[in-house]
Amino acid sequence: MRVQVKLYATLREYAAPDNEIGASFEVQLIGNALEDLFKQLGFGMERAKIVMINGGSVVDLSTQLNEDDLVLIFPPVGGGVV
């Protein structure tokens, strides 16, 4: 199954090598759950703070993906002035 993925900030290191910043890339997914996508990308859910599928927030790794879904993954963000 084919899904589109956008990785942000520190997760960009897991993107396809030829991927342009801000662009999605295609993943030929083996399996059909969000957990399968994380395994295939090479990092765990603990690295992701926000996960969205087609614009809706997700919190469960067992969430099923569908052909041509767009998955956005954001890491935790830190910094700022106290």
PDB file of N, CA and C in Angstrom:
ATOM      1  N   MET A   1       0.849  -1.179   0.000  1.00  0.00           N
ATOM      2  CA  MET A   1       0.000   0.000   0.000  1.00  0.00           C
ATOM      3  C   MET A   1       0.893   1.239   0.000  1.00  0.00           C
ATOM      4  N   ARG A   2       0.469   2.241  -0.717  1.00  0.00           N
ATOM      5  CA  ARG A   2       1.243   3.475  -0.864  1.00  0.00           C
ATOM      6  C   ARG A   2       0.629   4.576  -0.003  1.00  0.00           C
ATOM      7  N   VAL A   3       1.483   5.243   0.820  1.00  0.00           N
ATOM      8  CA  VAL A   3       1.047   6.404   1.598  1.00  0.00           C
ATOM      9  C   VAL A   3       2.046   7.534   1.380  1.00  0.00           C
ATOM     10  N   GLN A   4       1.591   8.758   1.598  1.00  0.00           N
ATOM     11  CA  GLN A   4       2.449   9.936   1.521  1.00  0.00           C
ATOM     12  C   GLN A   4       2.798  10.352   2.946  1.00  0.00           C
ATOM     13  N   VAL A   5       4.048  10.741   3.166  1.00  0.00           N
ATOM     14  CA  VAL A   5       4.521  11.096   4.502  1.00  0.00           C
ATOM     15  C   VAL A   5       5.226  12.441   4.450  1.00  0.00           C
ATOM     16  N   LYS A   6       4.975  13.277   5.463  1.00  0.00           N
ATOM     17  CA  LYS A   6       5.712  14.527   5.666  1.00  0.00           C
ATOM     18  C   LYS A   6       6.290  14.483   7.068  1.00  0.00           C
ATOM     19  N   LEU A   7       7.607  14.645   7.161  1.00  0.00           N
ATOM     20  CA  LEU A   7       8.291  14.658   8.454  1.00  0.00           C
ATOM     21  C   LEU A   7       8.809  16.060   8.713  1.00  0.00           C
ATOM     22  N   TYR A   8       8.734  16.495   9.952  1.00  0.00           N
ATOM     23  CA  TYR A   8       9.104  17.862  10.304  1.00  0.00           C
ATOM     24  C   TYR A   8      10.250  17.897  11.311  1.00  0.00           C
ATOM     25  N   ALA A   9      10.987  19.020  11.290  1.00  0.00           N
ATOM     26  CA  ALA A   9      12.060  19.334  12.244  1.00  0.00           C
ATOM     27  C   ALA A   9      13.073  18.189  12.319  1.00  0.00           C
ATOM     28  N   THR A  10      13.346  17.700  13.522  1.00  0.00           N
ATOM     29  CA  THR A  10      14.399  16.697  13.711  1.00  0.00           C
ATOM     30  C   THR A  10      14.074  15.351  13.070  1.00  0.00           C
ATOM     31  N   LEU A  11      12.835  15.106  12.719  1.00  0.00           N
ATOM     32  CA  LEU A  11      12.468  13.844  12.072  1.00  0.00           C
ATOM     33  C   LEU A  11      12.824  13.825  10.590  1.00  0.00           C
ATOM     34  N   ARG A  12      13.205  14.970  10.038  1.00  0.00           N
ATOM     35  CA  ARG A  12      13.545  15.043   8.615  1.00  0.00           C
ATOM     36  C   ARG A  12      14.679  14.094   8.245  1.00  0.00           C
ATOM     37  N   GLU A  13      15.519  13.744   9.221  1.00  0.00           N
ATOM     38  CA  GLU A  13      16.630  12.831   8.938  1.00  0.00           C
ATOM     39  C   GLU A  13      16.132  11.453   8.486  1.00  0.00           C
ATOM     40  N   TYR A  14      14.869  11.138   8.741  1.00  0.00           N
ATOM     41  CA  TYR A  14      14.296   9.853   8.344  1.00  0.00           C
ATOM     42  C   TYR A  14      13.579   9.923   6.994  1.00  0.00           C
ATOM     43  N   ALA A  15      13.566  11.088   6.377  1.00  0.00           N
ATOM     44  CA  ALA A  15      12.894  11.265   5.082  1.00  0.00           C
ATOM     45  C   ALA A  15      13.714  10.614   3.968  1.00  0.00           C
ATOM     46  N   ALA A  16      13.074  10.417   2.839  1.00  0.00           N
ATOM     47  CA  ALA A  16      13.763   9.900   1.662  1.00  0.00           C
ATOM     48  C   ALA A  16      14.924  10.838   1.323  1.00  0.00           C
ATOM     49  N   PRO A  17      16.074  10.291   0.899  1.00  0.00           N
ATOM     50  CA  PRO A  17      17.274  11.104   0.666  1.00  0.00           C
ATOM     51  C   PRO A  17      17.079  12.268  -0.308  1.00  0.00           C
ATOM     52  N   ASP A  18      16.262  12.094  -1.317  1.00  0.00           N
ATOM     53  CA  ASP A  18      16.068  13.138  -2.323  1.00  0.00           C
ATOM     54  C   ASP A  18      14.868  14.033  -2.012  1.00  0.00           C
ATOM     55  N   ASN A  19      14.324  13.924  -0.814  1.00  0.00           N
ATOM     56  CA  ASN A  19      13.124  14.670  -0.436  1.00  0.00           C
ATOM     57  C   ASN A  19      13.433  16.142  -0.192  1.00  0.00           C
ATOM     58  N   GLU A  20      12.649  17.019  -0.808  1.00  0.00           N
ATOM     59  CA  GLU A  20      12.802  18.458  -0.599  1.00  0.00           C
ATOM     60  C   GLU A  20      12.146  18.859   0.714  1.00  0.00           C
ATOM     61  N   ILE A  21      12.708  19.862   1.374  1.00  0.00           N
ATOM     62  CA  ILE A  21      12.151  20.350   2.633  1.00  0.00           C
ATOM     63  C   ILE A  21      10.706  20.792   2.408  1.00  0.00           C
ATOM     64  N   GLY A  22       9.811  20.328   3.258  1.00  0.00           N
ATOM     65  CA  GLY A  22       8.401  20.695   3.175  1.00  0.00           C
ATOM     66  C   GLY A  22       7.574  19.846   2.235  1.00  0.00           C
ATOM     67  N   ALA A  23       8.232  18.968   1.484  1.00  0.00           N
ATOM     68  CA  ALA A  23       7.498  18.122   0.538  1.00  0.00           C
ATOM     69  C   ALA A  23       7.219  16.753   1.159  1.00  0.00           C
ATOM     70  N   SER A  24       6.151  16.133   0.711  1.00  0.00           N
ATOM     71  CA  SER A  24       5.870  14.770   1.160  1.00  0.00           C
ATOM     72  C   SER A  24       6.668  13.798   0.295  1.00  0.00           C
ATOM     73  N   PHE A  25       6.829  12.596   0.803  1.00  0.00           N
ATOM     74  CA  PHE A  25       7.468  11.542   0.023  1.00  0.00           C
ATOM     75  C   PHE A  25       6.625  10.281   0.144  1.00  0.00           C
ATOM     76  N   GLU A  26       6.752   9.432  -0.847  1.00  0.00           N
ATOM     77  CA  GLU A  26       5.939   8.225  -0.907  1.00  0.00           C
ATOM     78  C   GLU A  26       6.621   7.083  -0.168  1.00  0.00           C
ATOM     79  N   VAL A  27       5.830   6.330   0.582  1.00  0.00           N
ATOM     80  CA  VAL A  27       6.313   5.118   1.239  1.00  0.00           C
ATOM     81  C   VAL A  27       5.448   3.961   0.759  1.00  0.00           C
ATOM     82  N   GLN A  28       6.093   2.932   0.255  1.00  0.00           N
ATOM     83  CA  GLN A  28       5.388   1.705  -0.108  1.00  0.00           C
ATOM     84  C   GLN A  28       5.302   0.888   1.172  1.00  0.00           C
ATOM     85  N   LEU A  29       4.176   0.982   1.853  1.00  0.00           N
ATOM     86  CA  LEU A  29       4.015   0.445   3.198  1.00  0.00           C
ATOM     87  C   LEU A  29       3.793  -1.060   3.186  1.00  0.00           C
ATOM     88  N   ILE A  30       4.566  -1.736   4.035  1.00  0.00           N
ATOM     89  CA  ILE A  30       4.368  -3.162   4.265  1.00  0.00           C
ATOM     90  C   ILE A  30       3.529  -3.256   5.532  1.00  0.00           C
ATOM     91  N   GLY A  31       2.292  -3.651   5.406  1.00  0.00           N
ATOM     92  CA  GLY A  31       1.346  -3.634   6.515  1.00  0.00           C
ATOM     93  C   GLY A  31       0.311  -2.555   6.254  1.00  0.00           C
ATOM     94  N   ASN A  32      -0.534  -2.279   7.261  1.00  0.00           N
ATOM     95  CA  ASN A  32      -1.552  -1.255   7.043  1.00  0.00           C
ATOM     96  C   ASN A  32      -1.858  -0.423   8.284  1.00  0.00           C
ATOM     97  N   ALA A  33      -1.043  -0.551   9.334  1.00  0.00           N
ATOM     98  CA  ALA A  33      -1.266   0.221  10.559  1.00  0.00           C
ATOM     99  C   ALA A  33      -0.202   1.304  10.698  1.00  0.00           C
ATOM    100  N   LEU A  34      -0.526   2.315  11.461  1.00  0.00           N
ATOM    101  CA  LEU A  34       0.426   3.393  11.728  1.00  0.00           C
ATOM    102  C   LEU A  34       1.713   2.837  12.330  1.00  0.00           C
ATOM    103  N   GLU A  35       1.587   1.849  13.189  1.00  0.00           N
ATOM    104  CA  GLU A  35       2.759   1.209  13.796  1.00  0.00           C
ATOM    105  C   GLU A  35       3.694   0.643  12.726  1.00  0.00           C
ATOM    106  N   ASP A  36       3.138   0.066  11.672  1.00  0.00           N
ATOM    107  CA  ASP A  36       3.942  -0.475  10.576  1.00  0.00           C
ATOM    108  C   ASP A  36       4.730   0.630   9.883  1.00  0.00           C
ATOM    109  N   LEU A  37       4.105   1.791   9.720  1.00  0.00           N
ATOM    110  CA  LEU A  37       4.790   2.922   9.098  1.00  0.00           C
ATOM    111  C   LEU A  37       5.968   3.374   9.953  1.00  0.00           C
ATOM    112  N   PHE A  38       5.760   3.512  11.260  1.00  0.00           N
ATOM    113  CA  PHE A  38       6.851   3.924  12.144  1.00  0.00           C
ATOM    114  C   PHE A  38       8.010   2.940  12.077  1.00  0.00           C
ATOM    115  N   LYS A  39       7.712   1.650  12.088  1.00  0.00           N
ATOM    116  CA  LYS A  39       8.765   0.629  11.991  1.00  0.00           C
ATOM    117  C   LYS A  39       9.528   0.767  10.685  1.00  0.00           C
ATOM    118  N   GLN A  40       8.808   0.979   9.609  1.00  0.00           N
ATOM    119  CA  GLN A  40       9.439   1.085   8.298  1.00  0.00           C
ATOM    120  C   GLN A  40      10.288   2.349   8.180  1.00  0.00           C
ATOM    121  N   LEU A  41       9.857   3.438   8.804  1.00  0.00           N
ATOM    122  CA  LEU A  41      10.634   4.680   8.770  1.00  0.00           C
ATOM    123  C   LEU A  41      11.856   4.605   9.680  1.00  0.00           C
ATOM    124  N   GLY A  42      11.826   3.726  10.679  1.00  0.00           N
ATOM    125  CA  GLY A  42      12.994   3.514  11.522  1.00  0.00           C
ATOM    126  C   GLY A  42      13.013   4.274  12.830  1.00  0.00           C
ATOM    127  N   PHE A  43      11.860   4.721  13.303  1.00  0.00           N
ATOM    128  CA  PHE A  43      11.802   5.366  14.614  1.00  0.00           C
ATOM    129  C   PHE A  43      10.483   5.023  15.295  1.00  0.00           C
ATOM    130  N   GLY A  44      10.447   5.210  16.621  1.00  0.00           N
ATOM    131  CA  GLY A  44       9.271   4.852  17.401  1.00  0.00           C
ATOM    132  C   GLY A  44       8.358   6.033  17.654  1.00  0.00           C
ATOM    133  N   MET A  45       7.173   5.730  18.127  1.00  0.00           N
ATOM    134  CA  MET A  45       6.156   6.744  18.410  1.00  0.00           C
ATOM    135  C   MET A  45       6.647   7.754  19.447  1.00  0.00           C
ATOM    136  N   GLU A  46       7.589   7.358  20.307  1.00  0.00           N
ATOM    137  CA  GLU A  46       8.099   8.287  21.322  1.00  0.00           C
ATOM    138  C   GLU A  46       8.808   9.486  20.697  1.00  0.00           C
ATOM    139  N   ARG A  47       9.226   9.366  19.454  1.00  0.00           N
ATOM    140  CA  ARG A  47       9.872  10.485  18.755  1.00  0.00           C
ATOM    141  C   ARG A  47       8.849  11.447  18.165  1.00  0.00           C
ATOM    142  N   ALA A  48       7.580  11.070  18.178  1.00  0.00           N
ATOM    143  CA  ALA A  48       6.528  11.890  17.572  1.00  0.00           C
ATOM    144  C   ALA A  48       5.634  12.491  18.648  1.00  0.00           C
ATOM    145  N   LYS A  49       5.398  13.779  18.553  1.00  0.00           N
ATOM    146  CA  LYS A  49       4.490  14.466  19.475  1.00  0.00           C
ATOM    147  C   LYS A  49       3.090  14.570  18.874  1.00  0.00           C
ATOM    148  N   ILE A  50       3.047  14.903  17.588  1.00  0.00           N
ATOM    149  CA  ILE A  50       1.770  15.050  16.883  1.00  0.00           C
ATOM    150  C   ILE A  50       1.820  14.203  15.615  1.00  0.00           C
ATOM    151  N   VAL A  51       0.784  13.397  15.409  1.00  0.00           N
ATOM    152  CA  VAL A  51       0.636  12.617  14.180  1.00  0.00           C
ATOM    153  C   VAL A  51      -0.742  12.930  13.620  1.00  0.00           C
ATOM    154  N   MET A  52      -0.775  13.261  12.344  1.00  0.00           N
ATOM    155  CA  MET A  52      -2.047  13.564  11.683  1.00  0.00           C
ATOM    156  C   MET A  52      -2.168  12.712  10.421  1.00  0.00           C
ATOM    157  N   ILE A  53      -3.367  12.204  10.200  1.00  0.00           N
ATOM    158  CA  ILE A  53      -3.661  11.478   8.970  1.00  0.00           C
ATOM    159  C   ILE A  53      -4.783  12.224   8.266  1.00  0.00           C
ATOM    160  N   ASN A  54      -4.494  12.719   7.083  1.00  0.00           N
ATOM    161  CA  ASN A  54      -5.472  13.474   6.289  1.00  0.00           C
ATOM    162  C   ASN A  54      -6.113  14.597   7.097  1.00  0.00           C
ATOM    163  N   GLY A  55      -5.318  15.261   7.935  1.00  0.00           N
ATOM    164  CA  GLY A  55      -5.785  16.423   8.680  1.00  0.00           C
ATOM    165  C   GLY A  55      -6.358  16.139  10.053  1.00  0.00           C
ATOM    166  N   GLY A  56      -6.531  14.872  10.415  1.00  0.00           N
ATOM    167  CA  GLY A  56      -7.076  14.528  11.732  1.00  0.00           C
ATOM    168  C   GLY A  56      -5.996  13.990  12.656  1.00  0.00           C
ATOM    169  N   SER A  57      -6.020  14.375  13.928  1.00  0.00           N
ATOM    170  CA  SER A  57      -5.024  13.925  14.904  1.00  0.00           C
ATOM    171  C   SER A  57      -5.203  12.446  15.232  1.00  0.00           C
ATOM    172  N   VAL A  58      -4.070  11.786  15.510  1.00  0.00           N
ATOM    173  CA  VAL A  58      -4.055  10.362  15.819  1.00  0.00           C
ATOM    174  C   VAL A  58      -3.234  10.135  17.077  1.00  0.00           C
ATOM    175  N   VAL A  59      -3.650   9.219  17.926  1.00  0.00           N
ATOM    176  CA  VAL A  59      -2.865   8.889  19.117  1.00  0.00           C
ATOM    177  C   VAL A  59      -2.626   7.391  19.257  1.00  0.00           C
ATOM    178  N   ASP A  60      -3.208   6.584  18.416  1.00  0.00           N
ATOM    179  CA  ASP A  60      -3.144   5.134  18.562  1.00  0.00           C
ATOM    180  C   ASP A  60      -2.343   4.503  17.423  1.00  0.00           C
ATOM    181  N   LEU A  61      -1.321   3.726  17.792  1.00  0.00           N
ATOM    182  CA  LEU A  61      -0.489   3.070  16.787  1.00  0.00           C
ATOM    183  C   LEU A  61      -1.244   2.031  15.967  1.00  0.00           C
ATOM    184  N   SER A  62      -2.375   1.565  16.456  1.00  0.00           N
ATOM    185  CA  SER A  62      -3.133   0.557  15.713  1.00  0.00           C
ATOM    186  C   SER A  62      -4.033   1.183  14.646  1.00  0.00           C
ATOM    187  N   THR A  63      -4.033   2.513  14.549  1.00  0.00           N
ATOM    188  CA  THR A  63      -4.846   3.194  13.532  1.00  0.00           C
ATOM    189  C   THR A  63      -4.510   2.643  12.147  1.00  0.00           C
ATOM    190  N   GLN A  64      -5.532   2.271  11.403  1.00  0.00           N
ATOM    191  CA  GLN A  64      -5.348   1.698  10.072  1.00  0.00           C
ATOM    192  C   GLN A  64      -5.173   2.800   9.033  1.00  0.00           C
ATOM    193  N   LEU A  65      -4.228   2.591   8.139  1.00  0.00           N
ATOM    194  CA  LEU A  65      -3.979   3.527   7.047  1.00  0.00           C
ATOM    195  C   LEU A  65      -4.638   3.000   5.781  1.00  0.00           C
ATOM    196  N   ASN A  66      -4.903   3.912   4.859  1.00  0.00           N
ATOM    197  CA  ASN A  66      -5.494   3.570   3.571  1.00  0.00           C
ATOM    198  C   ASN A  66      -4.604   4.073   2.451  1.00  0.00           C
ATOM    199  N   GLU A  67      -4.780   3.495   1.290  1.00  0.00           N
ATOM    200  CA  GLU A  67      -4.030   3.899   0.104  1.00  0.00           C
ATOM    201  C   GLU A  67      -4.100   5.413  -0.079  1.00  0.00           C
ATOM    202  N   ASP A  68      -2.950   6.034  -0.326  1.00  0.00           N
ATOM    203  CA  ASP A  68      -2.808   7.472  -0.597  1.00  0.00           C
ATOM    204  C   ASP A  68      -3.108   8.378   0.589  1.00  0.00           C
ATOM    205  N   ASP A  69      -3.176   7.834   1.813  1.00  0.00           N
ATOM    206  CA  ASP A  69      -3.294   8.698   2.993  1.00  0.00           C
ATOM    207  C   ASP A  69      -2.077   9.610   3.079  1.00  0.00           C
ATOM    208  N   LEU A  70      -2.278  10.798   3.637  1.00  0.00           N
ATOM    209  CA  LEU A  70      -1.182  11.725   3.909  1.00  0.00           C
ATOM    210  C   LEU A  70      -0.960  11.738   5.414  1.00  0.00           C
ATOM    211  N   VAL A  71       0.241  11.328   5.838  1.00  0.00           N
ATOM    212  CA  VAL A  71       0.585  11.236   7.252  1.00  0.00           C
ATOM    213  C   VAL A  71       1.621  12.313   7.570  1.00  0.00           C
ATOM    214  N   LEU A  72       1.279  13.208   8.495  1.00  0.00           N
ATOM    215  CA  LEU A  72       2.194  14.254   8.955  1.00  0.00           C
ATOM    216  C   LEU A  72       2.688  13.865  10.337  1.00  0.00           C
ATOM    217  N   ILE A  73       4.016  13.961  10.551  1.00  0.00           N
ATOM    218  CA  ILE A  73       4.586  13.576  11.843  1.00  0.00           C
ATOM    219  C   ILE A  73       5.481  14.700  12.342  1.00  0.00           C
ATOM    220  N   PHE A  74       5.158  15.201  13.544  1.00  0.00           N
ATOM    221  CA  PHE A  74       5.897  16.293  14.176  1.00  0.00           C
ATOM    222  C   PHE A  74       6.556  15.790  15.455  1.00  0.00           C
ATOM    223  N   PRO A  75       7.823  16.135  15.696  1.00  0.00           N
ATOM    224  CA  PRO A  75       8.474  15.753  16.946  1.00  0.00           C
ATOM    225  C   PRO A  75       8.122  16.737  18.057  1.00  0.00           C
ATOM    226  N   PRO A  76       8.469  16.390  19.320  1.00  0.00           N
ATOM    227  CA  PRO A  76       8.328  17.383  20.387  1.00  0.00           C
ATOM    228  C   PRO A  76       9.239  18.569  20.073  1.00  0.00           C
ATOM    229  N   VAL A  77       8.825  19.747  20.458  1.00  0.00           N
ATOM    230  CA  VAL A  77       9.619  20.947  20.198  1.00  0.00           C
ATOM    231  C   VAL A  77       9.989  21.572  21.532  1.00  0.00           C
ATOM    232  N   GLY A  78      11.235  21.972  21.658  1.00  0.00           N
ATOM    233  CA  GLY A  78      11.690  22.618  22.889  1.00  0.00           C
ATOM    234  C   GLY A  78      12.366  23.932  22.559  1.00  0.00           C
ATOM    235  N   GLY A  79      12.719  24.637  23.585  1.00  0.00           N
ATOM    236  CA  GLY A  79      13.435  25.889  23.385  1.00  0.00           C
ATOM    237  C   GLY A  79      12.630  27.065  23.883  1.00  0.00           C
ATOM    238  N   GLY A  80      13.144  28.218  23.618  1.00  0.00           N
ATOM    239  CA  GLY A  80      12.478  29.434  24.065  1.00  0.00           C
ATOM    240  C   GLY A  80      13.200  30.047  25.250  1.00  0.00           C
ATOM    241  N   VAL A  81      12.683  31.114  25.748  1.00  0.00           N
ATOM    242  CA  VAL A  81      13.287  31.844  26.853  1.00  0.00           C
ATOM    243  C   VAL A  81      12.380  31.724  28.070  1.00  0.00           C
ATOM    244  N   VAL A  82      12.992  31.479  29.213  1.00  0.00           N
ATOM    245  CA  VAL A  82      12.225  31.368  30.460  1.00  0.00           C
ATOM    246  C   VAL A  82      12.289  32.677  31.204  1.00  0.00           C
TER     247      VAL A  82
END
